[in-house]
Amino acid sequence: MLPVMEQFYTIQGEGYNTGRAAYFIRLGGCDVGCHWCDVKESWDADAHPRQSIAQLVEAVLAHPGRDVVITGGEPLMHELGPLTAALQAAGCRTWLETSGAHPLSGTWDWICLSPKKFKAPLPDVLAAAHELKVVVFNGHDFAWAEEHAALVPASTRLYLQPEWSRAARMTPELVEYVKQHPRWQVSLQTHKYLDIP
């Protein structure tokens, strides 16, 4: 049984899989506590109803897409092996969005690591990351992004994403940084521009 804040079928709005249909399962519980978090209501795991893995898989299969994003909160606060095994047995691909602050569990087709300054990512998550997505809130975050890029495999895709409330200010600086450091790519929260969940 897992605490589920919300679940919905939509379009992945950011990072490597932008534009793909995906079913999102947002688990409750987070101890990272980003001040700019846009889902602070996810932090308290006990505030959300618990669902069985069978219920979650059934909900996913009611839609045509087979890409499933497990997000939070911080989903790695929970043991995710049984959930990913059940989803993959049902023909789904499993994508994880994590800060990396808890030990890796589950079997993943794609891991998006978005580290936070308040709690460092663990080495096992850094080593497994397919995608490093750093949210840029101010100019100091570029150096912080480079520190984390040095800790992930050479094959990891690197993304810089302006924090939504600071996008007007930071996007021009971010664009210029990527032009000067082309191993990085720009990620935007396109779901907010499209006005979809």
N, C-alpha and C. Protein backbone atom coordinates (compact mmCIF):
# COMPACT_ATOMS: atom_id res chain seq x y z
N MET A 1 0.85 -1.19 0.00
CA MET A 1 0.00 0.00 0.00
C MET A 1 0.89 1.24 0.00
N LEU A 2 0.60 2.15 -0.92
CA LEU A 2 1.41 3.36 -1.06
C LEU A 2 0.53 4.60 -0.92
N PRO A 3 1.03 5.67 -0.28
CA PRO A 3 0.24 6.90 -0.17
C PRO A 3 0.25 7.64 -1.50
N VAL A 4 -0.92 7.83 -2.08
CA VAL A 4 -1.02 8.43 -3.41
C VAL A 4 -1.69 9.80 -3.28
N MET A 5 -0.94 10.85 -3.58
CA MET A 5 -1.50 12.20 -3.55
C MET A 5 -2.42 12.43 -4.74
N GLU A 6 -1.95 12.02 -5.91
CA GLU A 6 -2.76 12.17 -7.12
C GLU A 6 -2.21 11.25 -8.19
N GLN A 7 -3.04 10.99 -9.18
CA GLN A 7 -2.62 10.22 -10.36
C GLN A 7 -3.45 10.70 -11.53
N PHE A 8 -2.79 10.80 -12.69
CA PHE A 8 -3.48 11.35 -13.85
C PHE A 8 -2.70 11.01 -15.12
N TYR A 9 -3.42 11.00 -16.21
CA TYR A 9 -2.85 10.73 -17.54
C TYR A 9 -2.67 12.06 -18.25
N THR A 10 -1.47 12.32 -18.73
CA THR A 10 -1.19 13.64 -19.32
C THR A 10 -0.03 13.52 -20.30
N ILE A 11 0.61 14.63 -20.55
CA ILE A 11 1.81 14.70 -21.39
C ILE A 11 2.99 15.07 -20.50
N GLN A 12 4.07 14.31 -20.59
CA GLN A 12 5.27 14.68 -19.83
C GLN A 12 5.74 16.04 -20.33
N GLY A 13 5.90 16.97 -19.40
CA GLY A 13 6.15 18.35 -19.79
C GLY A 13 7.59 18.79 -19.80
N GLU A 14 8.52 17.99 -19.25
CA GLU A 14 9.88 18.49 -19.10
C GLU A 14 10.90 17.37 -19.25
N GLY A 15 12.15 17.79 -19.49
CA GLY A 15 13.25 16.83 -19.57
C GLY A 15 13.27 16.02 -20.85
N TYR A 16 13.96 14.90 -20.80
CA TYR A 16 14.21 14.08 -21.98
C TYR A 16 12.93 13.59 -22.64
N ASN A 17 11.94 13.23 -21.85
CA ASN A 17 10.71 12.64 -22.39
C ASN A 17 9.60 13.65 -22.65
N THR A 18 9.96 14.93 -22.76
CA THR A 18 8.97 15.97 -23.05
C THR A 18 8.12 15.60 -24.26
N GLY A 19 6.81 15.81 -24.11
CA GLY A 19 5.90 15.60 -25.23
C GLY A 19 5.31 14.22 -25.32
N ARG A 20 5.75 13.28 -24.48
CA ARG A 20 5.24 11.91 -24.54
C ARG A 20 4.05 11.75 -23.59
N ALA A 21 3.07 10.98 -24.02
CA ALA A 21 1.95 10.65 -23.15
C ALA A 21 2.47 9.81 -21.99
N ALA A 22 2.01 10.13 -20.78
CA ALA A 22 2.48 9.40 -19.61
C ALA A 22 1.43 9.44 -18.51
N TYR A 23 1.39 8.37 -17.74
CA TYR A 23 0.53 8.29 -16.56
C TYR A 23 1.38 8.62 -15.35
N PHE A 24 0.98 9.65 -14.61
CA PHE A 24 1.73 10.10 -13.44
C PHE A 24 1.11 9.53 -12.16
N ILE A 25 1.96 8.99 -11.32
CA ILE A 25 1.57 8.59 -9.97
C ILE A 25 2.42 9.41 -9.01
N ARG A 26 1.76 10.33 -8.31
CA ARG A 26 2.48 11.20 -7.36
C ARG A 26 2.29 10.65 -5.94
N LEU A 27 3.38 10.14 -5.38
CA LEU A 27 3.32 9.57 -4.05
C LEU A 27 3.51 10.64 -2.98
N GLY A 28 2.84 10.45 -1.87
CA GLY A 28 2.98 11.36 -0.74
C GLY A 28 4.24 11.05 0.07
N GLY A 29 4.78 12.10 0.69
CA GLY A 29 5.94 11.95 1.54
C GLY A 29 7.16 12.61 0.93
N CYS A 30 7.73 13.58 1.65
CA CYS A 30 8.98 14.21 1.22
C CYS A 30 9.64 14.85 2.43
N ASP A 31 10.96 14.64 2.57
CA ASP A 31 11.71 15.26 3.65
C ASP A 31 12.82 16.16 3.12
N VAL A 32 12.71 16.53 1.83
CA VAL A 32 13.74 17.38 1.22
C VAL A 32 13.40 18.86 1.45
N GLY A 33 12.13 19.22 1.24
CA GLY A 33 11.63 20.53 1.64
C GLY A 33 12.15 21.72 0.85
N CYS A 34 12.02 21.69 -0.48
CA CYS A 34 12.43 22.83 -1.30
C CYS A 34 11.47 24.00 -1.08
N HIS A 35 12.01 25.19 -0.86
CA HIS A 35 11.14 26.34 -0.59
C HIS A 35 10.29 26.71 -1.80
N TRP A 36 10.77 26.36 -3.03
CA TRP A 36 10.00 26.71 -4.22
C TRP A 36 9.15 25.54 -4.74
N CYS A 37 9.03 24.49 -3.95
CA CYS A 37 8.24 23.32 -4.36
C CYS A 37 6.82 23.75 -4.71
N ASP A 38 6.31 23.25 -5.84
CA ASP A 38 4.94 23.60 -6.24
C ASP A 38 3.92 22.53 -5.84
N VAL A 39 4.37 21.52 -5.09
CA VAL A 39 3.44 20.51 -4.56
C VAL A 39 3.76 20.24 -3.08
N LYS A 40 3.82 21.29 -2.29
CA LYS A 40 4.12 21.14 -0.85
C LYS A 40 3.08 20.25 -0.15
N GLU A 41 1.89 20.18 -0.70
CA GLU A 41 0.86 19.33 -0.10
C GLU A 41 1.23 17.85 -0.19
N SER A 42 2.26 17.52 -0.96
CA SER A 42 2.70 16.13 -1.07
C SER A 42 3.60 15.71 0.09
N TRP A 43 4.08 16.65 0.88
CA TRP A 43 5.13 16.35 1.85
C TRP A 43 4.71 15.38 2.94
N ASP A 44 3.47 15.46 3.41
CA ASP A 44 2.99 14.62 4.51
C ASP A 44 2.37 13.35 3.94
N ALA A 45 3.08 12.23 4.07
CA ALA A 45 2.59 10.97 3.51
C ALA A 45 1.26 10.56 4.13
N ASP A 46 1.08 10.86 5.42
CA ASP A 46 -0.14 10.42 6.10
C ASP A 46 -1.38 11.21 5.68
N ALA A 47 -1.18 12.28 4.94
CA ALA A 47 -2.32 13.09 4.50
C ALA A 47 -3.00 12.52 3.25
N HIS A 48 -2.46 11.42 2.72
CA HIS A 48 -2.95 10.90 1.44
C HIS A 48 -3.42 9.46 1.58
N PRO A 49 -4.51 9.13 0.88
CA PRO A 49 -5.03 7.75 0.96
C PRO A 49 -4.05 6.75 0.36
N ARG A 50 -4.05 5.56 0.92
CA ARG A 50 -3.16 4.50 0.43
C ARG A 50 -3.89 3.63 -0.58
N GLN A 51 -3.14 3.24 -1.60
CA GLN A 51 -3.70 2.37 -2.63
C GLN A 51 -2.79 1.16 -2.80
N SER A 52 -3.40 0.08 -3.21
CA SER A 52 -2.63 -1.14 -3.46
C SER A 52 -1.96 -1.05 -4.83
N ILE A 53 -0.95 -1.85 -5.01
CA ILE A 53 -0.27 -1.91 -6.30
C ILE A 53 -1.25 -2.35 -7.39
N ALA A 54 -2.12 -3.30 -7.08
CA ALA A 54 -3.10 -3.76 -8.07
C ALA A 54 -4.01 -2.62 -8.50
N GLN A 55 -4.43 -1.77 -7.56
CA GLN A 55 -5.28 -0.62 -7.90
C GLN A 55 -4.54 0.34 -8.82
N LEU A 56 -3.27 0.58 -8.53
CA LEU A 56 -2.49 1.51 -9.34
C LEU A 56 -2.30 0.98 -10.76
N VAL A 57 -1.98 -0.29 -10.87
CA VAL A 57 -1.79 -0.88 -12.20
C VAL A 57 -3.09 -0.83 -12.99
N GLU A 58 -4.19 -1.13 -12.34
CA GLU A 58 -5.51 -1.09 -13.01
C GLU A 58 -5.80 0.32 -13.54
N ALA A 59 -5.47 1.33 -12.74
CA ALA A 59 -5.71 2.71 -13.17
C ALA A 59 -4.86 3.06 -14.38
N VAL A 60 -3.61 2.63 -14.38
CA VAL A 60 -2.73 2.89 -15.52
C VAL A 60 -3.29 2.25 -16.79
N LEU A 61 -3.71 1.00 -16.68
CA LEU A 61 -4.14 0.23 -17.86
C LEU A 61 -5.46 0.73 -18.43
N ALA A 62 -6.14 1.63 -17.74
CA ALA A 62 -7.37 2.21 -18.28
C ALA A 62 -7.09 3.24 -19.36
N HIS A 63 -5.81 3.55 -19.60
CA HIS A 63 -5.41 4.54 -20.60
C HIS A 63 -4.50 3.88 -21.63
N PRO A 64 -4.41 4.45 -22.83
CA PRO A 64 -3.61 3.79 -23.88
C PRO A 64 -2.09 3.88 -23.69
N GLY A 65 -1.61 4.91 -22.99
CA GLY A 65 -0.16 5.06 -22.81
C GLY A 65 0.40 4.03 -21.85
N ARG A 66 1.65 3.65 -22.07
CA ARG A 66 2.29 2.66 -21.21
C ARG A 66 3.56 3.19 -20.55
N ASP A 67 3.75 4.49 -20.59
CA ASP A 67 4.86 5.12 -19.87
C ASP A 67 4.30 5.66 -18.56
N VAL A 68 4.91 5.26 -17.44
CA VAL A 68 4.40 5.60 -16.12
C VAL A 68 5.49 6.34 -15.34
N VAL A 69 5.16 7.55 -14.90
CA VAL A 69 6.09 8.38 -14.13
C VAL A 69 5.75 8.24 -12.65
N ILE A 70 6.71 7.81 -11.86
CA ILE A 70 6.56 7.77 -10.41
C ILE A 70 7.28 8.99 -9.86
N THR A 71 6.53 9.87 -9.21
CA THR A 71 7.08 11.13 -8.76
C THR A 71 6.56 11.40 -7.35
N GLY A 72 6.80 12.59 -6.86
CA GLY A 72 6.37 12.90 -5.50
C GLY A 72 6.18 14.40 -5.32
N GLY A 73 6.35 14.84 -4.10
CA GLY A 73 7.07 14.25 -3.00
C GLY A 73 8.43 13.69 -3.41
N GLU A 74 8.91 12.80 -2.56
CA GLU A 74 10.14 12.06 -2.88
C GLU A 74 9.80 10.58 -2.90
N PRO A 75 9.63 10.02 -4.11
CA PRO A 75 9.13 8.64 -4.20
C PRO A 75 10.06 7.60 -3.60
N LEU A 76 11.37 7.86 -3.55
CA LEU A 76 12.29 6.86 -3.01
C LEU A 76 12.23 6.74 -1.49
N MET A 77 11.36 7.51 -0.84
CA MET A 77 11.09 7.26 0.57
C MET A 77 10.34 5.94 0.74
N HIS A 78 9.81 5.40 -0.36
CA HIS A 78 9.05 4.16 -0.33
C HIS A 78 9.82 3.06 -1.07
N GLU A 79 9.61 1.82 -0.69
CA GLU A 79 10.17 0.68 -1.41
C GLU A 79 9.36 0.50 -2.70
N LEU A 80 10.01 0.71 -3.84
CA LEU A 80 9.28 0.75 -5.11
C LEU A 80 9.46 -0.50 -5.97
N GLY A 81 10.19 -1.49 -5.46
CA GLY A 81 10.40 -2.72 -6.23
C GLY A 81 9.11 -3.42 -6.62
N PRO A 82 8.18 -3.67 -5.70
CA PRO A 82 6.94 -4.35 -6.08
C PRO A 82 6.11 -3.57 -7.09
N LEU A 83 6.08 -2.25 -6.96
CA LEU A 83 5.30 -1.43 -7.90
C LEU A 83 5.89 -1.49 -9.30
N THR A 84 7.20 -1.31 -9.42
CA THR A 84 7.80 -1.33 -10.77
C THR A 84 7.72 -2.72 -11.38
N ALA A 85 7.85 -3.76 -10.58
CA ALA A 85 7.74 -5.12 -11.11
C ALA A 85 6.34 -5.36 -11.67
N ALA A 86 5.32 -4.91 -10.95
CA ALA A 86 3.94 -5.10 -11.40
C ALA A 86 3.65 -4.29 -12.66
N LEU A 87 4.15 -3.06 -12.71
CA LEU A 87 3.94 -2.23 -13.89
C LEU A 87 4.64 -2.82 -15.11
N GLN A 88 5.86 -3.27 -14.94
CA GLN A 88 6.58 -3.83 -16.08
C GLN A 88 5.97 -5.16 -16.52
N ALA A 89 5.47 -5.94 -15.58
CA ALA A 89 4.78 -7.19 -15.94
C ALA A 89 3.52 -6.91 -16.75
N ALA A 90 2.93 -5.74 -16.55
CA ALA A 90 1.72 -5.34 -17.29
C ALA A 90 2.07 -4.65 -18.61
N GLY A 91 3.34 -4.61 -18.97
CA GLY A 91 3.75 -4.04 -20.25
C GLY A 91 4.07 -2.56 -20.21
N CYS A 92 4.26 -2.02 -19.02
CA CYS A 92 4.53 -0.59 -18.89
C CYS A 92 6.03 -0.33 -18.78
N ARG A 93 6.41 0.89 -19.17
CA ARG A 93 7.77 1.39 -18.93
C ARG A 93 7.72 2.29 -17.71
N THR A 94 8.73 2.18 -16.87
CA THR A 94 8.74 2.89 -15.59
C THR A 94 9.76 4.02 -15.63
N TRP A 95 9.30 5.21 -15.31
CA TRP A 95 10.15 6.40 -15.25
C TRP A 95 10.11 6.95 -13.83
N LEU A 96 11.26 7.29 -13.30
CA LEU A 96 11.36 7.82 -11.94
C LEU A 96 11.80 9.28 -11.97
N GLU A 97 11.14 10.11 -11.15
CA GLU A 97 11.60 11.48 -10.91
C GLU A 97 11.96 11.58 -9.44
N THR A 98 13.24 11.86 -9.13
CA THR A 98 13.71 11.81 -7.76
C THR A 98 14.77 12.87 -7.49
N SER A 99 14.87 13.25 -6.23
CA SER A 99 15.98 14.10 -5.79
C SER A 99 17.22 13.27 -5.50
N GLY A 100 17.04 11.97 -5.42
CA GLY A 100 18.17 11.07 -5.16
C GLY A 100 18.59 11.01 -3.70
N ALA A 101 17.79 11.58 -2.80
CA ALA A 101 18.20 11.70 -1.40
C ALA A 101 17.96 10.42 -0.59
N HIS A 102 17.32 9.41 -1.20
CA HIS A 102 17.07 8.14 -0.52
C HIS A 102 17.58 7.00 -1.39
N PRO A 103 17.85 5.84 -0.79
CA PRO A 103 18.40 4.71 -1.57
C PRO A 103 17.48 4.31 -2.72
N LEU A 104 18.10 3.92 -3.81
CA LEU A 104 17.38 3.53 -5.01
C LEU A 104 16.68 2.19 -4.80
N SER A 105 15.40 2.14 -5.15
CA SER A 105 14.67 0.87 -5.16
C SER A 105 13.82 0.85 -6.43
N GLY A 106 13.46 -0.35 -6.86
CA GLY A 106 12.68 -0.48 -8.08
C GLY A 106 13.57 -0.75 -9.29
N THR A 107 12.90 -1.12 -10.39
CA THR A 107 13.57 -1.37 -11.67
C THR A 107 13.05 -0.33 -12.65
N TRP A 108 13.96 0.44 -13.26
CA TRP A 108 13.56 1.64 -13.99
C TRP A 108 14.05 1.63 -15.43
N ASP A 109 13.15 2.05 -16.33
CA ASP A 109 13.54 2.27 -17.71
C ASP A 109 14.17 3.64 -17.90
N TRP A 110 13.83 4.59 -17.02
CA TRP A 110 14.40 5.95 -17.11
C TRP A 110 14.41 6.58 -15.73
N ILE A 111 15.54 7.11 -15.34
CA ILE A 111 15.67 7.79 -14.06
C ILE A 111 16.07 9.24 -14.31
N CYS A 112 15.18 10.14 -13.90
CA CYS A 112 15.48 11.57 -13.93
C CYS A 112 15.87 12.00 -12.52
N LEU A 113 17.13 12.39 -12.36
CA LEU A 113 17.63 12.88 -11.09
C LEU A 113 17.62 14.40 -11.09
N SER A 114 16.89 14.97 -10.14
CA SER A 114 16.85 16.42 -10.00
C SER A 114 17.31 16.75 -8.57
N PRO A 115 18.61 16.91 -8.38
CA PRO A 115 19.14 17.09 -7.03
C PRO A 115 18.72 18.42 -6.41
N LYS A 116 18.64 18.41 -5.09
CA LYS A 116 18.26 19.60 -4.35
C LYS A 116 19.35 19.94 -3.35
N LYS A 117 19.51 21.23 -3.08
CA LYS A 117 20.58 21.68 -2.20
C LYS A 117 20.37 21.30 -0.74
N PHE A 118 19.12 20.98 -0.40
CA PHE A 118 18.79 20.76 1.00
C PHE A 118 19.14 19.35 1.46
N LYS A 119 19.35 18.42 0.52
CA LYS A 119 19.67 17.04 0.88
C LYS A 119 20.34 16.40 -0.33
N ALA A 120 21.61 16.07 -0.20
CA ALA A 120 22.42 15.63 -1.35
C ALA A 120 21.96 14.28 -1.89
N PRO A 121 22.09 14.08 -3.21
CA PRO A 121 21.77 12.78 -3.79
C PRO A 121 22.80 11.73 -3.37
N LEU A 122 22.34 10.48 -3.26
CA LEU A 122 23.21 9.38 -2.87
C LEU A 122 23.97 8.84 -4.08
N PRO A 123 25.16 8.26 -3.83
CA PRO A 123 25.98 7.77 -4.94
C PRO A 123 25.28 6.76 -5.83
N ASP A 124 24.43 5.87 -5.27
CA ASP A 124 23.79 4.85 -6.12
C ASP A 124 22.80 5.47 -7.09
N VAL A 125 22.16 6.56 -6.70
CA VAL A 125 21.22 7.23 -7.60
C VAL A 125 21.99 8.03 -8.65
N LEU A 126 23.04 8.71 -8.24
CA LEU A 126 23.89 9.42 -9.21
C LEU A 126 24.39 8.46 -10.30
N ALA A 127 24.83 7.29 -9.90
CA ALA A 127 25.40 6.33 -10.84
C ALA A 127 24.37 5.77 -11.81
N ALA A 128 23.08 5.76 -11.39
CA ALA A 128 22.02 5.17 -12.21
C ALA A 128 21.28 6.19 -13.07
N ALA A 129 21.56 7.47 -12.90
CA ALA A 129 20.77 8.52 -13.55
C ALA A 129 20.94 8.49 -15.07
N HIS A 130 19.81 8.43 -15.77
CA HIS A 130 19.82 8.60 -17.23
C HIS A 130 19.80 10.09 -17.59
N GLU A 131 19.25 10.88 -16.69
CA GLU A 131 19.01 12.30 -16.93
C GLU A 131 19.30 13.07 -15.66
N LEU A 132 20.09 14.13 -15.77
CA LEU A 132 20.32 15.06 -14.67
C LEU A 132 19.62 16.36 -15.03
N LYS A 133 18.62 16.73 -14.22
CA LYS A 133 17.85 17.94 -14.50
C LYS A 133 18.01 18.88 -13.31
N VAL A 134 18.71 19.98 -13.54
CA VAL A 134 18.99 20.93 -12.47
C VAL A 134 18.08 22.14 -12.65
N VAL A 135 17.32 22.43 -11.60
CA VAL A 135 16.44 23.59 -11.60
C VAL A 135 17.28 24.82 -11.24
N VAL A 136 17.22 25.83 -12.11
CA VAL A 136 18.04 27.04 -11.94
C VAL A 136 17.17 28.13 -11.33
N PHE A 137 17.52 28.48 -10.10
CA PHE A 137 16.82 29.54 -9.38
C PHE A 137 17.59 30.85 -9.41
N ASN A 138 18.93 30.74 -9.38
CA ASN A 138 19.77 31.93 -9.47
C ASN A 138 21.09 31.58 -10.15
N GLY A 139 21.93 32.58 -10.35
CA GLY A 139 23.17 32.39 -11.10
C GLY A 139 24.15 31.43 -10.47
N HIS A 140 24.07 31.24 -9.15
CA HIS A 140 24.97 30.30 -8.48
C HIS A 140 24.68 28.86 -8.85
N ASP A 141 23.49 28.61 -9.37
CA ASP A 141 23.09 27.24 -9.65
C ASP A 141 23.84 26.62 -10.82
N PHE A 142 24.44 27.42 -11.67
CA PHE A 142 25.19 26.85 -12.80
C PHE A 142 26.42 26.10 -12.29
N ALA A 143 27.15 26.68 -11.36
CA ALA A 143 28.32 26.00 -10.79
C ALA A 143 27.89 24.75 -10.04
N TRP A 144 26.76 24.84 -9.33
CA TRP A 144 26.23 23.69 -8.60
C TRP A 144 25.83 22.58 -9.56
N ALA A 145 25.27 22.97 -10.70
CA ALA A 145 24.91 21.98 -11.73
C ALA A 145 26.16 21.27 -12.25
N GLU A 146 27.22 22.00 -12.47
CA GLU A 146 28.46 21.39 -12.97
C GLU A 146 29.05 20.42 -11.95
N GLU A 147 28.93 20.75 -10.67
CA GLU A 147 29.41 19.83 -9.63
C GLU A 147 28.70 18.49 -9.72
N HIS A 148 27.40 18.51 -9.98
CA HIS A 148 26.65 17.26 -10.08
C HIS A 148 26.88 16.56 -11.42
N ALA A 149 27.11 17.32 -12.46
CA ALA A 149 27.40 16.71 -13.76
C ALA A 149 28.68 15.89 -13.69
N ALA A 150 29.60 16.29 -12.82
CA ALA A 150 30.85 15.55 -12.66
C ALA A 150 30.66 14.24 -11.90
N LEU A 151 29.49 14.05 -11.29
CA LEU A 151 29.24 12.87 -10.45
C LEU A 151 28.39 11.80 -11.14
N VAL A 152 27.83 12.12 -12.30
CA VAL A 152 26.98 11.16 -13.01
C VAL A 152 27.76 10.55 -14.18
N PRO A 153 27.30 9.41 -14.73
CA PRO A 153 28.00 8.81 -15.86
C PRO A 153 28.09 9.74 -17.06
N ALA A 154 29.06 9.51 -17.90
CA ALA A 154 29.25 10.35 -19.09
C ALA A 154 28.06 10.27 -20.03
N SER A 155 27.29 9.17 -19.96
CA SER A 155 26.14 8.99 -20.85
C SER A 155 24.89 9.72 -20.36
N THR A 156 24.91 10.26 -19.16
CA THR A 156 23.72 10.93 -18.59
C THR A 156 23.41 12.21 -19.37
N ARG A 157 22.15 12.37 -19.73
CA ARG A 157 21.72 13.59 -20.41
C ARG A 157 21.64 14.72 -19.39
N LEU A 158 22.12 15.91 -19.78
CA LEU A 158 22.21 17.04 -18.86
C LEU A 158 21.23 18.13 -19.25
N TYR A 159 20.38 18.55 -18.29
CA TYR A 159 19.36 19.56 -18.55
C TYR A 159 19.41 20.65 -17.48
N LEU A 160 19.23 21.88 -17.94
CA LEU A 160 19.03 23.02 -17.06
C LEU A 160 17.62 23.54 -17.27
N GLN A 161 16.91 23.75 -16.18
CA GLN A 161 15.51 24.16 -16.27
C GLN A 161 15.27 25.37 -15.38
N PRO A 162 14.75 26.46 -15.93
CA PRO A 162 14.48 27.62 -15.08
C PRO A 162 13.36 27.33 -14.10
N GLU A 163 13.56 27.73 -12.85
CA GLU A 163 12.49 27.60 -11.86
C GLU A 163 11.34 28.49 -12.30
N TRP A 164 10.11 27.95 -12.25
CA TRP A 164 8.97 28.58 -12.91
C TRP A 164 8.76 30.03 -12.49
N SER A 165 8.84 30.31 -11.20
CA SER A 165 8.57 31.68 -10.73
C SER A 165 9.67 32.66 -11.11
N ARG A 166 10.83 32.13 -11.52
CA ARG A 166 11.98 32.97 -11.89
C ARG A 166 12.32 32.85 -13.38
N ALA A 167 11.42 32.23 -14.14
CA ALA A 167 11.72 31.94 -15.54
C ALA A 167 12.01 33.20 -16.35
N ALA A 168 11.24 34.25 -16.15
CA ALA A 168 11.44 35.47 -16.94
C ALA A 168 12.84 36.05 -16.70
N ARG A 169 13.30 35.93 -15.47
CA ARG A 169 14.61 36.48 -15.13
C ARG A 169 15.75 35.55 -15.54
N MET A 170 15.58 34.23 -15.29
CA MET A 170 16.70 33.31 -15.44
C MET A 170 16.83 32.68 -16.83
N THR A 171 15.75 32.64 -17.62
CA THR A 171 15.83 31.96 -18.91
C THR A 171 16.86 32.57 -19.84
N PRO A 172 16.96 33.90 -19.99
CA PRO A 172 18.00 34.44 -20.88
C PRO A 172 19.41 34.04 -20.43
N GLU A 173 19.66 34.05 -19.14
CA GLU A 173 20.97 33.65 -18.62
C GLU A 173 21.21 32.16 -18.85
N LEU A 174 20.16 31.37 -18.68
CA LEU A 174 20.26 29.94 -18.89
C LEU A 174 20.54 29.62 -20.37
N VAL A 175 19.85 30.30 -21.25
CA VAL A 175 20.06 30.09 -22.69
C VAL A 175 21.50 30.42 -23.06
N GLU A 176 22.01 31.51 -22.55
CA GLU A 176 23.38 31.91 -22.85
C GLU A 176 24.37 30.88 -22.29
N TYR A 177 24.07 30.36 -21.11
CA TYR A 177 24.96 29.34 -20.51
C TYR A 177 25.02 28.09 -21.38
N VAL A 178 23.87 27.63 -21.86
CA VAL A 178 23.85 26.44 -22.70
C VAL A 178 24.57 26.69 -24.03
N LYS A 179 24.45 27.89 -24.57
CA LYS A 179 25.19 28.21 -25.80
C LYS A 179 26.69 28.13 -25.57
N GLN A 180 27.13 28.52 -24.38
CA GLN A 180 28.56 28.47 -24.06
C GLN A 180 29.01 27.09 -23.58
N HIS A 181 28.08 26.28 -23.11
CA HIS A 181 28.38 24.95 -22.57
C HIS A 181 27.42 23.95 -23.21
N PRO A 182 27.64 23.60 -24.47
CA PRO A 182 26.62 22.88 -25.26
C PRO A 182 26.40 21.42 -24.87
N ARG A 183 27.11 20.91 -23.89
CA ARG A 183 26.76 19.55 -23.45
C ARG A 183 25.46 19.56 -22.65
N TRP A 184 25.07 20.75 -22.17
CA TRP A 184 23.79 20.92 -21.48
C TRP A 184 22.69 21.21 -22.50
N GLN A 185 21.45 20.89 -22.12
CA GLN A 185 20.27 21.24 -22.91
C GLN A 185 19.31 22.03 -22.02
N VAL A 186 18.47 22.82 -22.66
CA VAL A 186 17.44 23.56 -21.95
C VAL A 186 16.21 22.66 -21.78
N SER A 187 15.68 22.64 -20.56
CA SER A 187 14.40 21.99 -20.30
C SER A 187 13.43 23.06 -19.83
N LEU A 188 12.23 23.03 -20.36
CA LEU A 188 11.17 23.95 -19.94
C LEU A 188 9.98 23.16 -19.41
N GLN A 189 9.23 23.75 -18.51
CA GLN A 189 8.01 23.12 -18.01
C GLN A 189 6.88 23.39 -19.00
N THR A 190 6.93 22.66 -20.12
CA THR A 190 5.99 22.93 -21.21
C THR A 190 4.55 22.68 -20.80
N HIS A 191 4.32 21.80 -19.83
CA HIS A 191 2.95 21.56 -19.37
C HIS A 191 2.32 22.81 -18.77
N LYS A 192 3.14 23.69 -18.22
CA LYS A 192 2.60 24.94 -17.67
C LYS A 192 2.24 25.91 -18.80
N TYR A 193 3.03 25.92 -19.86
CA TYR A 193 2.68 26.74 -21.02
C TYR A 193 1.44 26.20 -21.70
N LEU A 194 1.28 24.86 -21.71
CA LEU A 194 0.12 24.24 -22.35
C LEU A 194 -1.11 24.22 -21.44
N ASP A 195 -0.91 24.59 -20.17
CA ASP A 195 -1.99 24.60 -19.19
C ASP A 195 -2.63 23.22 -19.04
N ILE A 196 -1.77 22.22 -18.86
CA ILE A 196 -2.24 20.87 -18.56
C ILE A 196 -1.55 20.42 -17.27
N PRO A 197 -2.12 19.41 -16.57
CA PRO A 197 -1.52 18.97 -15.31
C PRO A 197 -0.13 18.35 -15.53
